[in-house]
Every structure is written in structure tokens, then in C-alpha cells.
Amino acid sequence: MVGYSEVQLSGPGLRSYLDALAASRPTGRTILARFSALNTDAEWFGTQTNLRKFSAFRDFLGNPAVRAALPQLLAEDPLPIGTPPPFDEVPSGVLTLDGEFAWLLIEGGAYGKFSGTHAQAKILASSAVQDLVGDRYEDYRAFWSPEPWSSFFDDVAWDVTWILVNVRLREVTIFCSMDSD
């Protein structure tokens, strides 16, 4: 079994983005966490098939260290069959992640909208992605799902999960955001 250790995330761009996202989704919640694989023979970082990705994400989300760090996301133990859903790999990796994060701001939530312009949303999102991945775009694979796969989500229009896998450093970043009406 692969072991994981939580890695602290920080940066002014990330903080500004998360504050703006919270303001645009006043009844929502966002979870952001990063974990480093403790053993270097973790094969799943380089796998390609959907079945192996599903198993890898299920193993990651079921890991005791990950569960302990994310109790609000991973309350059910064990995870129900079919959880998490198959995450779709984003062919562009993290190259377009700032656009996706900007869209989350612009889209807002049930009772709030981003008060700035689209350009301001893109700047905030770009700064957040810079804090998350730096200039190491080629080291990352990105996966996402709009499915409400955990009781954290309210199964409405604003559920999203992003999983960023840094293949070189063997780190996994999970970003979940939701809003309720």
C-alpha cells in the first residue's frame, strides 16, 4: 500500500483565489489539499488505463492518511462501490486549468456571483495555478469530475473535483468545490 503525507499549500495567489471563490459561492465549500507519496515505487503515477486510474484514485482516497486529513470529504468508510467515479483525464493537463478555475469564479453559485470582470477572474485563477504548479506544467496530469461522489457534495449544479498528479514529484493535489441552493 502506498503511504501519503500531507503537503502544505500556500501562496498569495492561491489565497486570493480561494477567498474570491468563497465570496462567489456563499453557501458552498471548497477543499484543497496536496499529498506526497511516501514510497517511490508507487506505480500508479505513470499508469494509462482507466481501470488502473480508477483503482489508483480509490486507493488514494481510501488511504488512512488522506482520510484523516479530509474527514469532511471522506466520511464514509469504506468508500461505497463505484466511488469515486471514473475521473476524466484532461488532455491538456494543467495548461488550461487557469481557465477552468476562472470559469468557477464567473459561474458563481446559487446565491452569489463573482463581482469582477472575466479578465480579473482569469488573473486570480492564473495566480492560483502558478502557486499550485509553478512552471512545471509537463510534470502534471489533470483529472476532473462533475459527479457528486461524496456526501460532501449536495448533488446540484456546482459540484466539481479536480485531481492533479505531479508525476515527477509523486504528489497528488485534490480540489473539490460545491455550492447548494
C-alpha atoms as a PDB file:
ATOM      1  CA  MET A   1       0.000   0.000   0.000  1.00  0.00           C
ATOM      2  CA  VAL A   2       1.228   3.468  -0.882  1.00  0.00           C
ATOM      3  CA  GLY A   3       1.630   5.794   2.083  1.00  0.00           C
ATOM      4  CA  TYR A   4       0.939   9.517   1.882  1.00  0.00           C
ATOM      5  CA  SER A   5       1.937  12.598   3.801  1.00  0.00           C
ATOM      6  CA  GLU A   6       0.068  15.900   3.565  1.00  0.00           C
ATOM      7  CA  VAL A   7       1.990  18.784   1.991  1.00  0.00           C
ATOM      8  CA  GLN A   8       1.056  22.333   2.975  1.00  0.00           C
ATOM      9  CA  LEU A   9      -0.179  24.546   0.152  1.00  0.00           C
ATOM     10  CA  SER A  10       0.263  28.291   0.292  1.00  0.00           C
ATOM     11  CA  GLY A  11       0.793  31.380  -1.766  1.00  0.00           C
ATOM     12  CA  PRO A  12      -0.840  34.778  -2.091  1.00  0.00           C
ATOM     13  CA  GLY A  13      -2.415  33.943  -5.448  1.00  0.00           C
ATOM     14  CA  LEU A  14      -3.961  30.777  -4.095  1.00  0.00           C
ATOM     15  CA  ARG A  15      -5.329  32.557  -1.027  1.00  0.00           C
ATOM     16  CA  SER A  16      -6.819  35.398  -3.120  1.00  0.00           C
ATOM     17  CA  TYR A  17      -8.444  32.928  -5.491  1.00  0.00           C
ATOM     18  CA  LEU A  18      -9.950  30.821  -2.695  1.00  0.00           C
ATOM     19  CA  ASP A  19     -11.295  33.972  -0.998  1.00  0.00           C
ATOM     20  CA  ALA A  20     -12.915  35.110  -4.256  1.00  0.00           C
ATOM     21  CA  LEU A  21     -14.374  31.634  -4.828  1.00  0.00           C
ATOM     22  CA  ALA A  22     -15.848  31.594  -1.310  1.00  0.00           C
ATOM     23  CA  ALA A  23     -17.424  35.006  -1.926  1.00  0.00           C
ATOM     24  CA  SER A  24     -18.978  33.814  -5.202  1.00  0.00           C
ATOM     25  CA  ARG A  25     -20.347  30.662  -3.538  1.00  0.00           C
ATOM     26  CA  PRO A  26     -21.568  31.888  -0.140  1.00  0.00           C
ATOM     27  CA  THR A  27     -23.418  28.648   0.647  1.00  0.00           C
ATOM     28  CA  GLY A  28     -20.625  26.497  -0.737  1.00  0.00           C
ATOM     29  CA  ARG A  29     -17.469  24.815   0.436  1.00  0.00           C
ATOM     30  CA  THR A  30     -14.086  24.145  -1.124  1.00  0.00           C
ATOM     31  CA  ILE A  31     -11.446  21.611  -0.154  1.00  0.00           C
ATOM     32  CA  LEU A  32      -7.875  21.847  -1.381  1.00  0.00           C
ATOM     33  CA  ALA A  33      -5.118  19.509  -0.227  1.00  0.00           C
ATOM     34  CA  ARG A  34      -1.864  18.024  -1.510  1.00  0.00           C
ATOM     35  CA  PHE A  35      -0.250  14.732  -0.582  1.00  0.00           C
ATOM     36  CA  SER A  36       3.166  13.260  -1.307  1.00  0.00           C
ATOM     37  CA  ALA A  37       3.637   9.533  -1.883  1.00  0.00           C
ATOM     38  CA  LEU A  38       5.997   8.161   0.733  1.00  0.00           C
ATOM     39  CA  ASN A  39       7.312   5.177  -1.188  1.00  0.00           C
ATOM     40  CA  THR A  40       8.937   5.793  -4.532  1.00  0.00           C
ATOM     41  CA  ASP A  41       7.717   2.599  -6.191  1.00  0.00           C
ATOM     42  CA  ALA A  42       4.156   3.904  -6.438  1.00  0.00           C
ATOM     43  CA  GLU A  43       3.374   2.617  -9.933  1.00  0.00           C
ATOM     44  CA  TRP A  44       0.057   4.337 -10.461  1.00  0.00           C
ATOM     45  CA  PHE A  45       1.600   7.743 -11.137  1.00  0.00           C
ATOM     46  CA  GLY A  46       2.547   6.581 -14.591  1.00  0.00           C
ATOM     47  CA  THR A  47      -0.384   4.309 -15.484  1.00  0.00           C
ATOM     48  CA  GLN A  48      -2.546   4.955 -18.521  1.00  0.00           C
ATOM     49  CA  THR A  49      -5.654   2.751 -18.432  1.00  0.00           C
ATOM     50  CA  ASN A  50      -8.964   3.929 -16.976  1.00  0.00           C
ATOM     51  CA  LEU A  51      -9.327   0.830 -14.804  1.00  0.00           C
ATOM     52  CA  ARG A  52      -5.945   1.390 -13.198  1.00  0.00           C
ATOM     53  CA  LYS A  53      -6.684   5.104 -12.747  1.00  0.00           C
ATOM     54  CA  PHE A  54      -9.980   4.244 -11.052  1.00  0.00           C
ATOM     55  CA  SER A  55      -8.254   1.802  -8.748  1.00  0.00           C
ATOM     56  CA  ALA A  56      -5.458   4.264  -8.043  1.00  0.00           C
ATOM     57  CA  PHE A  57      -7.838   7.091  -7.123  1.00  0.00           C
ATOM     58  CA  ARG A  58      -9.897   4.746  -4.973  1.00  0.00           C
ATOM     59  CA  ASP A  59      -6.732   3.582  -3.217  1.00  0.00           C
ATOM     60  CA  PHE A  60      -5.581   7.185  -2.777  1.00  0.00           C
ATOM     61  CA  LEU A  61      -8.922   8.386  -1.365  1.00  0.00           C
ATOM     62  CA  GLY A  62      -9.188   5.328   0.870  1.00  0.00           C
ATOM     63  CA  ASN A  63      -5.693   5.775   2.312  1.00  0.00           C
ATOM     64  CA  PRO A  64      -5.749   6.315   6.107  1.00  0.00           C
ATOM     65  CA  ALA A  65      -3.541   9.438   5.963  1.00  0.00           C
ATOM     66  CA  VAL A  66      -5.686  11.010   3.231  1.00  0.00           C
ATOM     67  CA  ARG A  67      -8.905  10.092   5.057  1.00  0.00           C
ATOM     68  CA  ALA A  68      -7.592  11.608   8.301  1.00  0.00           C
ATOM     69  CA  ALA A  69      -6.677  14.862   6.536  1.00  0.00           C
ATOM     70  CA  LEU A  70     -10.020  15.138   4.692  1.00  0.00           C
ATOM     71  CA  PRO A  71     -12.760  13.891   7.055  1.00  0.00           C
ATOM     72  CA  GLN A  72     -15.411  16.212   5.597  1.00  0.00           C
ATOM     73  CA  LEU A  73     -14.821  14.710   2.135  1.00  0.00           C
ATOM     74  CA  LEU A  74     -14.158  11.089   3.043  1.00  0.00           C
ATOM     75  CA  ALA A  75     -16.619  10.402   5.856  1.00  0.00           C
ATOM     76  CA  GLU A  76     -17.808   7.038   4.526  1.00  0.00           C
ATOM     77  CA  ASP A  77     -15.522   4.122   5.356  1.00  0.00           C
ATOM     78  CA  PRO A  78     -15.074   2.104   3.305  1.00  0.00           C
ATOM     79  CA  LEU A  79     -15.907   4.139   0.228  1.00  0.00           C
ATOM     80  CA  PRO A  80     -19.081   2.834  -1.445  1.00  0.00           C
ATOM     81  CA  ILE A  81     -18.709   0.681  -4.563  1.00  0.00           C
ATOM     82  CA  GLY A  82     -18.401   2.950  -7.596  1.00  0.00           C
ATOM     83  CA  THR A  83     -16.783   5.702  -5.543  1.00  0.00           C
ATOM     84  CA  PRO A  84     -15.065   7.745  -6.676  1.00  0.00           C
ATOM     85  CA  PRO A  85     -16.428   7.958 -10.212  1.00  0.00           C
ATOM     86  CA  PRO A  86     -14.048   7.488 -13.097  1.00  0.00           C
ATOM     87  CA  PHE A  87     -12.245  10.804 -13.349  1.00  0.00           C
ATOM     88  CA  ASP A  88     -11.761  12.034 -16.900  1.00  0.00           C
ATOM     89  CA  GLU A  89      -8.203  12.859 -17.847  1.00  0.00           C
ATOM     90  CA  VAL A  90      -7.818  16.354 -19.265  1.00  0.00           C
ATOM     91  CA  PRO A  91      -5.758  16.021 -22.465  1.00  0.00           C
ATOM     92  CA  SER A  92      -4.232  19.479 -21.988  1.00  0.00           C
ATOM     93  CA  GLY A  93      -3.100  18.633 -18.456  1.00  0.00           C
ATOM     94  CA  VAL A  94      -2.842  21.769 -16.326  1.00  0.00           C
ATOM     95  CA  LEU A  95      -2.222  24.114 -19.283  1.00  0.00           C
ATOM     96  CA  THR A  96      -5.863  25.240 -19.255  1.00  0.00           C
ATOM     97  CA  LEU A  97      -6.501  24.887 -15.520  1.00  0.00           C
ATOM     98  CA  ASP A  98      -6.471  28.648 -15.001  1.00  0.00           C
ATOM     99  CA  GLY A  99      -9.342  28.956 -17.471  1.00  0.00           C
ATOM    100  CA  GLU A 100     -11.328  26.259 -15.671  1.00  0.00           C
ATOM    101  CA  PHE A 101     -10.697  27.899 -12.299  1.00  0.00           C
ATOM    102  CA  ALA A 102     -11.663  31.302 -13.757  1.00  0.00           C
ATOM    103  CA  TRP A 103     -14.909  29.761 -15.017  1.00  0.00           C
ATOM    104  CA  LEU A 104     -15.721  28.540 -11.484  1.00  0.00           C
ATOM    105  CA  LEU A 105     -15.471  32.143 -10.299  1.00  0.00           C
ATOM    106  CA  ILE A 106     -17.517  33.557 -13.171  1.00  0.00           C
ATOM    107  CA  GLU A 107     -20.169  30.841 -12.839  1.00  0.00           C
ATOM    108  CA  GLY A 108     -20.554  31.612  -9.139  1.00  0.00           C
ATOM    109  CA  GLY A 109     -23.049  29.631  -7.152  1.00  0.00           C
ATOM    110  CA  ALA A 110     -26.700  29.544  -6.184  1.00  0.00           C
ATOM    111  CA  TYR A 111     -26.667  32.847  -4.306  1.00  0.00           C
ATOM    112  CA  GLY A 112     -23.545  34.640  -5.408  1.00  0.00           C
ATOM    113  CA  LYS A 113     -21.597  35.731  -8.436  1.00  0.00           C
ATOM    114  CA  PHE A 114     -18.072  36.990  -8.949  1.00  0.00           C
ATOM    115  CA  SER A 115     -18.133  40.776  -8.736  1.00  0.00           C
ATOM    116  CA  GLY A 116     -15.191  41.322 -11.065  1.00  0.00           C
ATOM    117  CA  THR A 117     -14.657  41.057 -14.788  1.00  0.00           C
ATOM    118  CA  HIS A 118     -13.747  37.939 -16.704  1.00  0.00           C
ATOM    119  CA  ALA A 119     -10.222  39.310 -17.051  1.00  0.00           C
ATOM    120  CA  GLN A 120      -9.972  39.726 -13.275  1.00  0.00           C
ATOM    121  CA  ALA A 121     -11.221  36.160 -12.765  1.00  0.00           C
ATOM    122  CA  LYS A 122      -8.581  34.887 -15.191  1.00  0.00           C
ATOM    123  CA  ILE A 123      -5.828  36.831 -13.381  1.00  0.00           C
ATOM    124  CA  LEU A 124      -6.900  35.439  -9.993  1.00  0.00           C
ATOM    125  CA  ALA A 125      -7.099  31.908 -11.378  1.00  0.00           C
ATOM    126  CA  SER A 126      -3.730  32.213 -13.137  1.00  0.00           C
ATOM    127  CA  SER A 127      -2.092  33.319  -9.888  1.00  0.00           C
ATOM    128  CA  ALA A 128      -3.646  30.373  -8.045  1.00  0.00           C
ATOM    129  CA  VAL A 129      -2.447  27.892 -10.656  1.00  0.00           C
ATOM    130  CA  GLN A 130       1.020  29.452 -10.517  1.00  0.00           C
ATOM    131  CA  ASP A 131       1.077  28.804  -6.756  1.00  0.00           C
ATOM    132  CA  LEU A 132      -0.128  25.225  -7.331  1.00  0.00           C
ATOM    133  CA  VAL A 133       2.086  24.072 -10.210  1.00  0.00           C
ATOM    134  CA  GLY A 134       4.694  26.769 -10.791  1.00  0.00           C
ATOM    135  CA  ASP A 135       6.147  26.459 -14.270  1.00  0.00           C
ATOM    136  CA  ARG A 136       6.198  22.643 -14.185  1.00  0.00           C
ATOM    137  CA  TYR A 137       3.202  22.048 -16.473  1.00  0.00           C
ATOM    138  CA  GLU A 138       4.782  18.990 -18.102  1.00  0.00           C
ATOM    139  CA  ASP A 139       5.088  17.230 -14.733  1.00  0.00           C
ATOM    140  CA  TYR A 140       1.325  17.192 -14.161  1.00  0.00           C
ATOM    141  CA  ARG A 141      -1.580  15.096 -15.327  1.00  0.00           C
ATOM    142  CA  ALA A 142      -5.031  16.528 -14.608  1.00  0.00           C
ATOM    143  CA  PHE A 143      -8.292  14.667 -13.981  1.00  0.00           C
ATOM    144  CA  TRP A 144     -11.743  16.003 -13.193  1.00  0.00           C
ATOM    145  CA  SER A 145     -15.332  15.030 -12.489  1.00  0.00           C
ATOM    146  CA  PRO A 146     -18.590  16.951 -12.039  1.00  0.00           C
ATOM    147  CA  GLU A 147     -20.077  13.969 -10.155  1.00  0.00           C
ATOM    148  CA  PRO A 148     -21.248  14.305  -6.523  1.00  0.00           C
ATOM    149  CA  TRP A 149     -19.232  11.250  -5.467  1.00  0.00           C
ATOM    150  CA  SER A 150     -19.047  12.070  -1.741  1.00  0.00           C
ATOM    151  CA  SER A 151     -21.564  13.223   0.856  1.00  0.00           C
ATOM    152  CA  PHE A 152     -19.529  16.473   0.875  1.00  0.00           C
ATOM    153  CA  PHE A 153     -21.395  17.413  -2.316  1.00  0.00           C
ATOM    154  CA  ASP A 154     -25.076  18.377  -2.429  1.00  0.00           C
ATOM    155  CA  ASP A 155     -25.704  16.912  -5.912  1.00  0.00           C
ATOM    156  CA  VAL A 156     -26.580  20.202  -7.557  1.00  0.00           C
ATOM    157  CA  ALA A 157     -25.107  22.076 -10.497  1.00  0.00           C
ATOM    158  CA  TRP A 158     -21.949  23.358  -8.784  1.00  0.00           C
ATOM    159  CA  ASP A 159     -20.121  20.131  -7.836  1.00  0.00           C
ATOM    160  CA  VAL A 160     -16.606  19.682  -9.214  1.00  0.00           C
ATOM    161  CA  THR A 161     -13.482  17.704  -8.360  1.00  0.00           C
ATOM    162  CA  TRP A 162     -10.036  18.235  -9.836  1.00  0.00           C
ATOM    163  CA  ILE A 163      -7.163  15.859  -9.149  1.00  0.00           C
ATOM    164  CA  LEU A 164      -3.702  16.988 -10.199  1.00  0.00           C
ATOM    165  CA  VAL A 165      -0.979  14.352 -10.280  1.00  0.00           C
ATOM    166  CA  ASN A 166       2.634  15.513 -10.278  1.00  0.00           C
ATOM    167  CA  VAL A 167       4.319  12.501 -11.829  1.00  0.00           C
ATOM    168  CA  ARG A 168       7.879  13.699 -11.193  1.00  0.00           C
ATOM    169  CA  LEU A 169       7.436  14.576  -7.502  1.00  0.00           C
ATOM    170  CA  ARG A 170       4.774  11.869  -6.917  1.00  0.00           C
ATOM    171  CA  GLU A 171       2.306  14.292  -5.410  1.00  0.00           C
ATOM    172  CA  VAL A 172      -1.472  14.367  -5.652  1.00  0.00           C
ATOM    173  CA  THR A 173      -3.495  17.561  -5.261  1.00  0.00           C
ATOM    174  CA  ILE A 174      -7.251  17.339  -4.771  1.00  0.00           C
ATOM    175  CA  PHE A 175      -9.578  20.302  -5.271  1.00  0.00           C
ATOM    176  CA  CYS A 176     -13.304  19.886  -4.559  1.00  0.00           C
ATOM    177  CA  SER A 177     -15.836  22.684  -4.694  1.00  0.00           C
ATOM    178  CA  MET A 178     -19.592  22.753  -4.280  1.00  0.00           C
ATOM    179  CA  ASP A 179     -22.481  25.080  -3.609  1.00  0.00           C
ATOM    180  CA  SER A 180     -26.026  24.367  -2.520  1.00  0.00           C
ATOM    181  CA  ASP A 181     -29.314  26.047  -3.192  1.00  0.00           C
END
